[in-house]
Amino acid sequence: MQVLKTEKDQLERKVSDLQKSLAMEKRNFEEEKKEKEKALTRLSAVAGDKLRVNNPGIADLSDENRPNKLAEKFSELYDNEWTELYEVLEESGQTEEDIIGNLLQILQETYNSSNNLAENQRRELKKVILHPANVGSREDIKPPEGILSKITDIQKQTASIVFGDVRKEIMESNKLISDGMNEVKRKYVERCIQLCWMMAIQDPPMHLDFGPSANSEADKNVYRMYTKQGDKVDFVVWPAVFLHNQGPLVQKGVLQPK
């Protein structure tokens, strides 16, 4: 009986040791699995960043403000805020062409100002990174590959923080925008600023084409017609959206033909 008890104790100890060893192996396996997953995530992020450098056609699908989404929101601006403000201005007795020209000019001023502010911000960020001891240096050093895309990442991540500053600068520095401000116009202007800023901080910046001049041929591949049909341009109603300057068309604009 004593011999059997001793053998039983030995077997129980072996089983216990095996269970401990198995538990330790399982913990090691889980830790290694987590480390590999982290490494793959980092590798995927780095590969994605490298793939998107100088490849604006490749979008980060996790980005809610990627170019095609911005184009959709830009179309909603035309359908909603633009239409609402148009109706308010129409009640004041202005002509159709004057109202449309006014609304288009507000958008164009916003677009130009946003691009200028975004480019200035990129330039200053590049100086801070490349000249930390002498930010005021005028020496133009070509940054290492990938740095500019990181700078635009910073712009995107801080977009909601800087929007108030961007809005204040654009609204206060442009008389066309600030004159006759009411709630409906404010909604239109603020939405223009928000979307133009997000377009300006893409890599590369998105491009709005404010259209061909009057009497030129109406390019129906780039513009859809407003309320008439024709082959010659009378005036532009809404700009076409391109992925970047001289890039592919993302969304057609609107024009009124003769």
C-alpha atoms as a PDB file:
ATOM      1  CA  MET A   1       0.000   0.000   0.000  1.00  0.00           C
ATOM      2  CA  GLN A   2       2.833   2.358   0.870  1.00  0.00           C
ATOM      3  CA  VAL A   3       4.459   1.654  -2.499  1.00  0.00           C
ATOM      4  CA  LEU A   4       1.219   2.430  -4.336  1.00  0.00           C
ATOM      5  CA  LYS A   5       0.788   5.662  -2.358  1.00  0.00           C
ATOM      6  CA  THR A   6       4.347   6.712  -3.205  1.00  0.00           C
ATOM      7  CA  GLU A   7       3.809   6.006  -6.909  1.00  0.00           C
ATOM      8  CA  LYS A   8       0.525   7.920  -6.816  1.00  0.00           C
ATOM      9  CA  ASP A   9       2.240  10.935  -5.197  1.00  0.00           C
ATOM     10  CA  GLN A  10       4.979  10.827  -7.812  1.00  0.00           C
ATOM     11  CA  LEU A  11       2.435  10.674 -10.647  1.00  0.00           C
ATOM     12  CA  GLU A  12       0.474  13.565  -9.165  1.00  0.00           C
ATOM     13  CA  ARG A  13       3.663  15.641  -8.930  1.00  0.00           C
ATOM     14  CA  LYS A  14       4.504  14.833 -12.548  1.00  0.00           C
ATOM     15  CA  VAL A  15       0.994  15.780 -13.647  1.00  0.00           C
ATOM     16  CA  SER A  16       1.249  19.032 -11.662  1.00  0.00           C
ATOM     17  CA  ASP A  17       4.676  19.795 -13.190  1.00  0.00           C
ATOM     18  CA  LEU A  18       3.337  19.062 -16.666  1.00  0.00           C
ATOM     19  CA  GLN A  19       0.339  21.331 -16.072  1.00  0.00           C
ATOM     20  CA  LYS A  20       2.634  24.152 -14.900  1.00  0.00           C
ATOM     21  CA  SER A  21       4.912  23.612 -17.890  1.00  0.00           C
ATOM     22  CA  LEU A  22       1.926  23.619 -20.252  1.00  0.00           C
ATOM     23  CA  ALA A  23       0.566  26.809 -18.684  1.00  0.00           C
ATOM     24  CA  MET A  24       3.970  28.495 -19.062  1.00  0.00           C
ATOM     25  CA  GLU A  25       4.243  27.387 -22.693  1.00  0.00           C
ATOM     26  CA  LYS A  26       0.747  28.729 -23.330  1.00  0.00           C
ATOM     27  CA  ARG A  27       1.666  32.111 -21.796  1.00  0.00           C
ATOM     28  CA  ASN A  28       4.842  32.242 -23.887  1.00  0.00           C
ATOM     29  CA  PHE A  29       2.861  31.370 -26.999  1.00  0.00           C
ATOM     30  CA  GLU A  30       0.289  34.117 -26.311  1.00  0.00           C
ATOM     31  CA  GLU A  31       3.028  36.686 -25.663  1.00  0.00           C
ATOM     32  CA  GLU A  32       4.866  35.737 -28.861  1.00  0.00           C
ATOM     33  CA  LYS A  33       1.586  35.901 -30.779  1.00  0.00           C
ATOM     34  CA  LYS A  34       0.894  39.405 -29.455  1.00  0.00           C
ATOM     35  CA  GLU A  35       4.421  40.563 -30.311  1.00  0.00           C
ATOM     36  CA  LYS A  36       4.094  39.187 -33.848  1.00  0.00           C
ATOM     37  CA  GLU A  37       0.738  40.901 -34.276  1.00  0.00           C
ATOM     38  CA  LYS A  38       2.223  44.203 -33.071  1.00  0.00           C
ATOM     39  CA  ALA A  39       5.179  43.777 -35.432  1.00  0.00           C
ATOM     40  CA  LEU A  40       2.860  43.001 -38.351  1.00  0.00           C
ATOM     41  CA  THR A  41       0.720  46.041 -37.518  1.00  0.00           C
ATOM     42  CA  ARG A  42       3.819  48.291 -37.450  1.00  0.00           C
ATOM     43  CA  LEU A  43       5.116  46.731 -40.660  1.00  0.00           C
ATOM     44  CA  SER A  44       1.742  47.168 -42.335  1.00  0.00           C
ATOM     45  CA  ALA A  45       1.597  50.831 -41.255  1.00  0.00           C
ATOM     46  CA  VAL A  46       5.128  51.487 -42.538  1.00  0.00           C
ATOM     47  CA  ALA A  47       4.400  49.660 -45.801  1.00  0.00           C
ATOM     48  CA  GLY A  48       1.133  51.587 -46.175  1.00  0.00           C
ATOM     49  CA  ASP A  49       2.911  54.905 -45.586  1.00  0.00           C
ATOM     50  CA  LYS A  50       5.607  54.039 -48.147  1.00  0.00           C
ATOM     51  CA  LEU A  51       2.997  52.883 -50.624  1.00  0.00           C
ATOM     52  CA  ARG A  52       1.032  56.132 -50.288  1.00  0.00           C
ATOM     53  CA  VAL A  53       4.107  58.376 -50.692  1.00  0.00           C
ATOM     54  CA  ASN A  54       3.824  59.928 -54.164  1.00  0.00           C
ATOM     55  CA  ASN A  55       0.833  57.660 -54.819  1.00  0.00           C
ATOM     56  CA  PRO A  56      -2.227  59.842 -54.119  1.00  0.00           C
ATOM     57  CA  GLY A  57      -4.478  57.297 -55.819  1.00  0.00           C
ATOM     58  CA  ILE A  58      -3.916  54.878 -52.935  1.00  0.00           C
ATOM     59  CA  ALA A  59      -6.190  55.926 -50.058  1.00  0.00           C
ATOM     60  CA  ASP A  60      -6.103  55.081 -46.378  1.00  0.00           C
ATOM     61  CA  LEU A  61      -9.512  53.421 -46.042  1.00  0.00           C
ATOM     62  CA  SER A  62      -9.562  54.128 -42.291  1.00  0.00           C
ATOM     63  CA  ASP A  63      -9.461  57.891 -42.974  1.00  0.00           C
ATOM     64  CA  GLU A  64     -12.952  59.411 -42.855  1.00  0.00           C
ATOM     65  CA  ASN A  65     -11.557  62.492 -44.624  1.00  0.00           C
ATOM     66  CA  ARG A  66      -9.929  60.692 -47.535  1.00  0.00           C
ATOM     67  CA  PRO A  67     -10.382  62.373 -50.959  1.00  0.00           C
ATOM     68  CA  ASN A  68     -13.442  60.469 -52.198  1.00  0.00           C
ATOM     69  CA  LYS A  69     -15.226  61.082 -48.862  1.00  0.00           C
ATOM     70  CA  LEU A  70     -14.359  64.776 -49.037  1.00  0.00           C
ATOM     71  CA  ALA A  71     -15.756  64.892 -52.573  1.00  0.00           C
ATOM     72  CA  GLU A  72     -19.026  63.398 -51.287  1.00  0.00           C
ATOM     73  CA  LYS A  73     -19.211  66.009 -48.515  1.00  0.00           C
ATOM     74  CA  PHE A  74     -18.400  68.716 -51.065  1.00  0.00           C
ATOM     75  CA  SER A  75     -21.373  67.569 -53.153  1.00  0.00           C
ATOM     76  CA  GLU A  76     -23.568  67.732 -50.032  1.00  0.00           C
ATOM     77  CA  LEU A  77     -22.395  71.322 -49.457  1.00  0.00           C
ATOM     78  CA  TYR A  78     -23.713  72.211 -52.930  1.00  0.00           C
ATOM     79  CA  ASP A  79     -27.000  70.376 -52.350  1.00  0.00           C
ATOM     80  CA  ASN A  80     -27.640  71.784 -48.884  1.00  0.00           C
ATOM     81  CA  GLU A  81     -25.892  74.952 -47.631  1.00  0.00           C
ATOM     82  CA  TRP A  82     -25.374  76.370 -51.138  1.00  0.00           C
ATOM     83  CA  THR A  83     -29.044  75.881 -52.038  1.00  0.00           C
ATOM     84  CA  GLU A  84     -30.233  77.353 -48.740  1.00  0.00           C
ATOM     85  CA  LEU A  85     -28.148  80.498 -49.136  1.00  0.00           C
ATOM     86  CA  TYR A  86     -29.123  80.805 -52.812  1.00  0.00           C
ATOM     87  CA  GLU A  87     -32.805  80.870 -51.833  1.00  0.00           C
ATOM     88  CA  VAL A  88     -32.192  83.565 -49.195  1.00  0.00           C
ATOM     89  CA  LEU A  89     -30.283  85.768 -51.674  1.00  0.00           C
ATOM     90  CA  GLU A  90     -32.936  85.199 -54.347  1.00  0.00           C
ATOM     91  CA  GLU A  91     -35.510  86.842 -52.065  1.00  0.00           C
ATOM     92  CA  SER A  92     -33.399  90.019 -52.089  1.00  0.00           C
ATOM     93  CA  GLY A  93     -34.018  90.424 -55.818  1.00  0.00           C
ATOM     94  CA  GLN A  94     -30.550  89.536 -57.120  1.00  0.00           C
ATOM     95  CA  THR A  95     -30.266  87.846 -60.513  1.00  0.00           C
ATOM     96  CA  GLU A  96     -29.436  84.169 -60.823  1.00  0.00           C
ATOM     97  CA  GLU A  97     -26.011  84.826 -62.352  1.00  0.00           C
ATOM     98  CA  ASP A  98     -25.100  87.407 -59.675  1.00  0.00           C
ATOM     99  CA  ILE A  99     -26.064  85.053 -56.833  1.00  0.00           C
ATOM    100  CA  ILE A 100     -24.170  82.107 -58.312  1.00  0.00           C
ATOM    101  CA  GLY A 101     -21.141  84.285 -59.036  1.00  0.00           C
ATOM    102  CA  ASN A 102     -21.152  85.578 -55.445  1.00  0.00           C
ATOM    103  CA  LEU A 103     -21.383  82.095 -53.928  1.00  0.00           C
ATOM    104  CA  LEU A 104     -18.685  80.762 -56.254  1.00  0.00           C
ATOM    105  CA  GLN A 105     -16.355  83.645 -55.420  1.00  0.00           C
ATOM    106  CA  ILE A 106     -16.783  83.015 -51.668  1.00  0.00           C
ATOM    107  CA  LEU A 107     -15.785  79.384 -52.251  1.00  0.00           C
ATOM    108  CA  GLN A 108     -12.839  80.364 -54.448  1.00  0.00           C
ATOM    109  CA  GLU A 109     -11.516  82.883 -51.907  1.00  0.00           C
ATOM    110  CA  THR A 110     -11.860  80.221 -49.193  1.00  0.00           C
ATOM    111  CA  TYR A 111     -10.078  77.630 -51.344  1.00  0.00           C
ATOM    112  CA  ASN A 112      -7.157  79.954 -52.166  1.00  0.00           C
ATOM    113  CA  SER A 113      -6.773  81.095 -48.546  1.00  0.00           C
ATOM    114  CA  SER A 114      -6.893  77.518 -47.249  1.00  0.00           C
ATOM    115  CA  ASN A 115      -4.188  76.419 -49.680  1.00  0.00           C
ATOM    116  CA  ASN A 116      -1.962  79.344 -48.704  1.00  0.00           C
ATOM    117  CA  LEU A 117      -2.398  78.697 -44.957  1.00  0.00           C
ATOM    118  CA  ALA A 118      -1.815  74.959 -45.360  1.00  0.00           C
ATOM    119  CA  GLU A 119       1.338  75.506 -47.416  1.00  0.00           C
ATOM    120  CA  ASN A 120       2.661  78.025 -44.860  1.00  0.00           C
ATOM    121  CA  GLN A 121       2.012  75.533 -42.067  1.00  0.00           C
ATOM    122  CA  ARG A 122       3.878  72.772 -43.947  1.00  0.00           C
ATOM    123  CA  ARG A 123       6.797  75.121 -44.586  1.00  0.00           C
ATOM    124  CA  GLU A 124       7.036  76.093 -40.899  1.00  0.00           C
ATOM    125  CA  LEU A 125       6.747  72.479 -39.710  1.00  0.00           C
ATOM    126  CA  LYS A 126       9.516  71.482 -42.110  1.00  0.00           C
ATOM    127  CA  LYS A 127      11.735  74.260 -40.719  1.00  0.00           C
ATOM    128  CA  VAL A 128      11.151  73.116 -37.130  1.00  0.00           C
ATOM    129  CA  ILE A 129      12.031  69.529 -38.057  1.00  0.00           C
ATOM    130  CA  LEU A 130      15.098  70.273 -40.193  1.00  0.00           C
ATOM    131  CA  HIS A 131      16.425  73.338 -38.290  1.00  0.00           C
ATOM    132  CA  PRO A 132      15.601  72.704 -34.606  1.00  0.00           C
ATOM    133  CA  ALA A 133      18.406  75.019 -33.432  1.00  0.00           C
ATOM    134  CA  ASN A 134      17.688  77.726 -35.983  1.00  0.00           C
ATOM    135  CA  VAL A 135      14.040  77.733 -37.005  1.00  0.00           C
ATOM    136  CA  GLY A 136      14.502  81.060 -38.791  1.00  0.00           C
ATOM    137  CA  SER A 137      17.038  79.558 -41.220  1.00  0.00           C
ATOM    138  CA  ARG A 138      16.322  80.094 -44.900  1.00  0.00           C
ATOM    139  CA  GLU A 139      18.445  77.134 -45.977  1.00  0.00           C
ATOM    140  CA  ASP A 140      16.281  74.836 -48.068  1.00  0.00           C
ATOM    141  CA  ILE A 141      17.168  71.248 -47.179  1.00  0.00           C
ATOM    142  CA  LYS A 142      15.415  68.460 -49.020  1.00  0.00           C
ATOM    143  CA  PRO A 143      13.731  66.370 -46.320  1.00  0.00           C
ATOM    144  CA  PRO A 144      14.238  62.578 -46.186  1.00  0.00           C
ATOM    145  CA  GLU A 145      11.664  60.452 -47.994  1.00  0.00           C
ATOM    146  CA  GLY A 146       8.436  60.152 -46.057  1.00  0.00           C
ATOM    147  CA  ILE A 147       8.896  63.303 -43.939  1.00  0.00           C
ATOM    148  CA  LEU A 148       6.458  65.389 -45.975  1.00  0.00           C
ATOM    149  CA  SER A 149       3.782  62.696 -45.676  1.00  0.00           C
ATOM    150  CA  LYS A 150       4.338  62.719 -41.885  1.00  0.00           C
ATOM    151  CA  ILE A 151       3.878  66.502 -41.898  1.00  0.00           C
ATOM    152  CA  THR A 152       0.531  66.158 -43.694  1.00  0.00           C
ATOM    153  CA  ASP A 153      -0.385  63.443 -41.164  1.00  0.00           C
ATOM    154  CA  ILE A 154       0.234  66.014 -38.414  1.00  0.00           C
ATOM    155  CA  GLN A 155      -1.961  68.512 -40.272  1.00  0.00           C
ATOM    156  CA  LYS A 156      -4.772  65.960 -40.509  1.00  0.00           C
ATOM    157  CA  GLN A 157      -4.485  64.933 -36.854  1.00  0.00           C
ATOM    158  CA  THR A 158      -4.655  68.575 -35.697  1.00  0.00           C
ATOM    159  CA  ALA A 159      -7.326  69.705 -38.195  1.00  0.00           C
ATOM    160  CA  SER A 160     -10.096  69.946 -35.599  1.00  0.00           C
ATOM    161  CA  ILE A 161      -7.787  71.862 -33.232  1.00  0.00           C
ATOM    162  CA  VAL A 162      -6.640  74.472 -35.755  1.00  0.00           C
ATOM    163  CA  PHE A 163      -9.992  74.908 -37.510  1.00  0.00           C
ATOM    164  CA  GLY A 164     -11.039  77.789 -35.259  1.00  0.00           C
ATOM    165  CA  ASP A 165      -7.830  79.657 -36.082  1.00  0.00           C
ATOM    166  CA  VAL A 166      -8.168  78.957 -39.817  1.00  0.00           C
ATOM    167  CA  ARG A 167     -11.824  80.044 -39.806  1.00  0.00           C
ATOM    168  CA  LYS A 168     -11.049  83.282 -37.935  1.00  0.00           C
ATOM    169  CA  GLU A 169      -8.213  84.197 -40.316  1.00  0.00           C
ATOM    170  CA  ILE A 170     -10.221  83.543 -43.494  1.00  0.00           C
ATOM    171  CA  MET A 171     -13.431  85.193 -42.305  1.00  0.00           C
ATOM    172  CA  GLU A 172     -11.739  88.319 -40.947  1.00  0.00           C
ATOM    173  CA  SER A 173      -9.272  88.858 -43.785  1.00  0.00           C
ATOM    174  CA  ASN A 174     -11.767  88.698 -46.653  1.00  0.00           C
ATOM    175  CA  LYS A 175     -14.354  91.462 -47.056  1.00  0.00           C
ATOM    176  CA  LEU A 176     -16.460  89.474 -49.541  1.00  0.00           C
ATOM    177  CA  ILE A 177     -16.854  86.720 -46.942  1.00  0.00           C
ATOM    178  CA  SER A 178     -17.396  88.924 -43.884  1.00  0.00           C
ATOM    179  CA  ASP A 179     -19.882  91.391 -45.445  1.00  0.00           C
ATOM    180  CA  GLY A 180     -23.593  90.766 -44.866  1.00  0.00           C
ATOM    181  CA  MET A 181     -22.989  87.820 -42.561  1.00  0.00           C
ATOM    182  CA  ASN A 182     -26.122  86.088 -41.293  1.00  0.00           C
ATOM    183  CA  GLU A 183     -26.783  82.599 -39.927  1.00  0.00           C
ATOM    184  CA  VAL A 184     -27.412  81.017 -43.335  1.00  0.00           C
ATOM    185  CA  LYS A 185     -24.327  82.601 -44.883  1.00  0.00           C
ATOM    186  CA  ARG A 186     -22.242  81.637 -41.830  1.00  0.00           C
ATOM    187  CA  LYS A 187     -23.219  77.993 -42.249  1.00  0.00           C
ATOM    188  CA  TYR A 188     -22.206  78.068 -45.919  1.00  0.00           C
ATOM    189  CA  VAL A 189     -18.912  79.876 -45.264  1.00  0.00           C
ATOM    190  CA  GLU A 190     -17.906  77.646 -42.345  1.00  0.00           C
ATOM    191  CA  ARG A 191     -18.631  74.491 -44.344  1.00  0.00           C
ATOM    192  CA  CYS A 192     -16.611  75.882 -47.271  1.00  0.00           C
ATOM    193  CA  ILE A 193     -13.674  76.597 -44.948  1.00  0.00           C
ATOM    194  CA  GLN A 194     -13.867  73.186 -43.283  1.00  0.00           C
ATOM    195  CA  LEU A 195     -13.865  71.228 -46.551  1.00  0.00           C
ATOM    196  CA  CYS A 196     -11.335  73.448 -48.338  1.00  0.00           C
ATOM    197  CA  TRP A 197      -8.961  73.090 -45.387  1.00  0.00           C
ATOM    198  CA  MET A 198      -9.284  69.301 -45.395  1.00  0.00           C
ATOM    199  CA  MET A 199      -8.656  69.274 -49.168  1.00  0.00           C
ATOM    200  CA  ALA A 200      -5.615  71.524 -48.746  1.00  0.00           C
ATOM    201  CA  ILE A 201      -3.934  69.182 -46.235  1.00  0.00           C
ATOM    202  CA  GLN A 202      -4.187  66.042 -48.365  1.00  0.00           C
ATOM    203  CA  ASP A 203      -0.966  64.601 -49.756  1.00  0.00           C
ATOM    204  CA  PRO A 204      -0.852  66.068 -52.377  1.00  0.00           C
ATOM    205  CA  PRO A 205      -3.576  68.722 -51.954  1.00  0.00           C
ATOM    206  CA  MET A 206      -6.826  68.167 -53.805  1.00  0.00           C
ATOM    207  CA  HIS A 207      -7.573  70.545 -56.655  1.00  0.00           C
ATOM    208  CA  LEU A 208     -10.745  72.516 -57.401  1.00  0.00           C
ATOM    209  CA  ASP A 209     -11.118  73.608 -61.011  1.00  0.00           C
ATOM    210  CA  PHE A 210     -13.254  76.738 -61.207  1.00  0.00           C
ATOM    211  CA  GLY A 211     -13.852  76.161 -64.827  1.00  0.00           C
ATOM    212  CA  PRO A 212     -13.447  77.333 -68.366  1.00  0.00           C
ATOM    213  CA  SER A 213     -13.973  80.919 -69.398  1.00  0.00           C
ATOM    214  CA  ALA A 214     -17.192  82.180 -70.955  1.00  0.00           C
ATOM    215  CA  ASN A 215     -17.791  81.245 -74.622  1.00  0.00           C
ATOM    216  CA  SER A 216     -15.316  78.338 -74.480  1.00  0.00           C
ATOM    217  CA  GLU A 217     -16.353  74.759 -75.240  1.00  0.00           C
ATOM    218  CA  ALA A 218     -18.275  73.047 -72.436  1.00  0.00           C
ATOM    219  CA  ASP A 219     -16.369  69.883 -71.464  1.00  0.00           C
ATOM    220  CA  LYS A 220     -19.175  67.490 -70.559  1.00  0.00           C
ATOM    221  CA  ASN A 221     -16.661  64.944 -69.282  1.00  0.00           C
ATOM    222  CA  VAL A 222     -15.739  67.353 -66.476  1.00  0.00           C
ATOM    223  CA  TYR A 223     -18.916  69.451 -66.031  1.00  0.00           C
ATOM    224  CA  ARG A 224     -22.593  68.644 -65.989  1.00  0.00           C
ATOM    225  CA  MET A 225     -25.126  71.181 -67.191  1.00  0.00           C
ATOM    226  CA  TYR A 226     -27.100  73.357 -64.736  1.00  0.00           C
ATOM    227  CA  THR A 227     -30.583  74.227 -66.050  1.00  0.00           C
ATOM    228  CA  LYS A 228     -29.938  74.377 -69.823  1.00  0.00           C
ATOM    229  CA  GLN A 229     -28.241  72.310 -72.502  1.00  0.00           C
ATOM    230  CA  GLY A 230     -25.601  73.699 -74.844  1.00  0.00           C
ATOM    231  CA  ASP A 231     -22.016  73.483 -76.091  1.00  0.00           C
ATOM    232  CA  LYS A 232     -20.688  76.920 -75.120  1.00  0.00           C
ATOM    233  CA  VAL A 233     -20.008  78.070 -71.545  1.00  0.00           C
ATOM    234  CA  ASP A 234     -22.042  80.930 -70.138  1.00  0.00           C
ATOM    235  CA  PHE A 235     -20.831  80.767 -66.504  1.00  0.00           C
ATOM    236  CA  VAL A 236     -19.558  78.218 -63.969  1.00  0.00           C
ATOM    237  CA  VAL A 237     -21.857  77.269 -61.104  1.00  0.00           C
ATOM    238  CA  TRP A 238     -19.755  74.829 -59.060  1.00  0.00           C
ATOM    239  CA  PRO A 239     -16.128  73.660 -59.457  1.00  0.00           C
ATOM    240  CA  ALA A 240     -14.974  70.213 -60.539  1.00  0.00           C
ATOM    241  CA  VAL A 241     -12.981  68.212 -57.969  1.00  0.00           C
ATOM    242  CA  PHE A 242      -9.698  66.543 -58.907  1.00  0.00           C
ATOM    243  CA  LEU A 243      -7.594  64.196 -56.792  1.00  0.00           C
ATOM    244  CA  HIS A 244      -4.717  66.656 -57.190  1.00  0.00           C
ATOM    245  CA  ASN A 245      -3.563  69.278 -59.693  1.00  0.00           C
ATOM    246  CA  GLN A 246      -3.549  67.612 -63.140  1.00  0.00           C
ATOM    247  CA  GLY A 247      -4.767  64.434 -61.465  1.00  0.00           C
ATOM    248  CA  PRO A 248      -7.842  62.299 -62.139  1.00  0.00           C
ATOM    249  CA  LEU A 249     -11.360  63.693 -61.836  1.00  0.00           C
ATOM    250  CA  VAL A 250     -13.091  62.786 -58.564  1.00  0.00           C
ATOM    251  CA  GLN A 251     -16.359  64.662 -59.067  1.00  0.00           C
ATOM    252  CA  LYS A 252     -17.862  66.681 -61.916  1.00  0.00           C
ATOM    253  CA  GLY A 253     -18.532  70.379 -61.582  1.00  0.00           C
ATOM    254  CA  VAL A 254     -21.626  72.283 -62.727  1.00  0.00           C
ATOM    255  CA  LEU A 255     -21.839  74.978 -65.414  1.00  0.00           C
ATOM    256  CA  GLN A 256     -24.535  76.911 -67.219  1.00  0.00           C
ATOM    257  CA  PRO A 257     -24.161  76.754 -70.987  1.00  0.00           C
ATOM    258  CA  LYS A 258     -25.414  79.267 -73.542  1.00  0.00           C
END
